[in-house]
């Protein structure tokens, strides 16, 4: 079920929610974290995630990566994806 709402000016708007972050692309810059006002994201050390294979990193200097900590708190504003320099985010409608 998609949630459609309206902008302040009355234009229909369908939010898209952060669904995943491509760990192979993420450089851990924190830009998305800084723009998210809902505490949806968190930065983790790459060594903390057993699913990450060191050989798969695009940026070998990246020691951290972003992950979605509280997906249920995402409001679908899309600011995280717009600020991401690597295009790491995948979004879905509700």
Protein backbone atom coordinates (compact mmCIF):
# COMPACT_ATOMS: atom_id res chain seq x y z
CA UNK A 1 0.00 0.00 0.00
CA UNK A 2 1.51 3.34 -1.05
CA UNK A 3 1.06 6.35 1.16
CA UNK A 4 0.34 9.50 -0.82
CA UNK A 5 0.33 12.82 0.92
CA UNK A 6 0.52 16.44 -0.17
CA UNK A 7 3.20 19.10 -0.06
CA UNK A 8 2.47 22.36 1.69
CA UNK A 9 1.53 23.80 -1.69
CA UNK A 10 -0.98 21.02 -2.32
CA UNK A 11 1.05 18.95 -4.81
CA UNK A 12 0.58 15.17 -4.37
CA UNK A 13 3.70 13.45 -3.06
CA UNK A 14 4.43 9.74 -2.63
CA UNK A 15 7.27 9.15 -0.16
CA UNK A 16 9.99 6.64 -0.97
CA UNK A 17 11.59 5.00 2.03
CA UNK A 18 15.27 4.04 2.46
CA UNK A 19 15.34 0.29 1.97
CA UNK A 20 19.01 -0.58 1.67
CA UNK A 21 22.51 0.83 1.32
CA UNK A 22 25.01 -0.69 -1.12
CA UNK A 23 27.93 -1.57 1.17
CA UNK A 24 30.25 -1.95 -1.82
CA UNK A 25 29.76 1.71 -2.77
CA UNK A 26 29.47 3.37 0.66
CA UNK A 27 32.55 5.39 1.65
CA UNK A 28 31.32 6.17 5.17
CA UNK A 29 31.37 9.94 4.63
CA UNK A 30 28.38 10.51 6.96
CA UNK A 31 26.56 13.02 4.74
CA UNK A 32 23.36 10.98 4.80
CA UNK A 33 23.61 10.62 8.58
CA UNK A 34 23.86 14.38 9.01
CA UNK A 35 20.71 15.12 6.99
CA UNK A 36 18.53 12.43 8.57
CA UNK A 37 16.53 13.96 11.40
CA UNK A 38 14.81 10.68 12.37
CA UNK A 39 17.81 8.61 13.59
CA UNK A 40 17.30 6.05 10.80
CA UNK A 41 20.99 5.58 9.97
CA UNK A 42 24.15 4.69 11.87
CA UNK A 43 27.82 4.50 10.95
CA UNK A 44 29.58 1.20 11.67
CA UNK A 45 33.15 0.00 11.29
CA UNK A 46 33.49 -2.27 8.27
CA UNK A 47 34.96 -4.95 10.53
CA UNK A 48 31.72 -5.10 12.55
CA UNK A 49 29.68 -6.51 9.64
CA UNK A 50 30.42 -10.16 8.91
CA UNK A 51 28.64 -9.93 5.53
CA UNK A 52 31.17 -7.44 4.14
CA UNK A 53 34.06 -8.98 2.21
CA UNK A 54 37.17 -6.78 2.21
CA UNK A 55 37.81 -7.61 -1.44
CA UNK A 56 34.44 -6.15 -2.49
CA UNK A 57 35.09 -2.56 -1.37
CA UNK A 58 35.26 0.07 -4.09
CA UNK A 59 37.17 2.42 -1.78
CA UNK A 60 39.88 0.60 0.16
CA UNK A 61 40.45 3.65 2.38
CA UNK A 62 36.87 3.60 3.68
CA UNK A 63 37.06 2.22 7.22
CA UNK A 64 33.37 2.69 7.97
CA UNK A 65 30.03 2.40 6.24
CA UNK A 66 26.47 3.53 6.83
CA UNK A 67 23.70 1.11 7.68
CA UNK A 68 19.95 1.45 8.21
CA UNK A 69 19.44 1.14 11.97
CA UNK A 70 15.77 2.11 12.36
CA UNK A 71 13.98 1.57 9.02
CA UNK A 72 10.56 2.04 10.62
CA UNK A 73 11.42 5.63 11.52
CA UNK A 74 12.09 6.68 7.90
CA UNK A 75 9.62 9.37 6.74
CA UNK A 76 10.46 8.96 3.05
CA UNK A 77 11.90 12.43 2.53
CA UNK A 78 14.78 11.10 0.40
CA UNK A 79 17.36 13.55 1.76
CA UNK A 80 19.83 10.74 2.44
CA UNK A 81 19.82 9.61 -1.18
CA UNK A 82 20.08 13.13 -2.56
CA UNK A 83 23.14 13.90 -0.45
CA UNK A 84 24.94 10.59 -1.06
CA UNK A 85 27.90 11.19 -3.41
CA UNK A 86 28.07 7.51 -4.43
CA UNK A 87 24.37 6.76 -4.99
CA UNK A 88 24.33 3.99 -2.41
CA UNK A 89 20.65 4.08 -1.43
CA UNK A 90 17.77 1.99 -2.72
CA UNK A 91 14.26 3.29 -2.00
CA UNK A 92 10.83 1.66 -1.93
CA UNK A 93 7.28 2.88 -1.57
CA UNK A 94 5.36 1.56 1.42
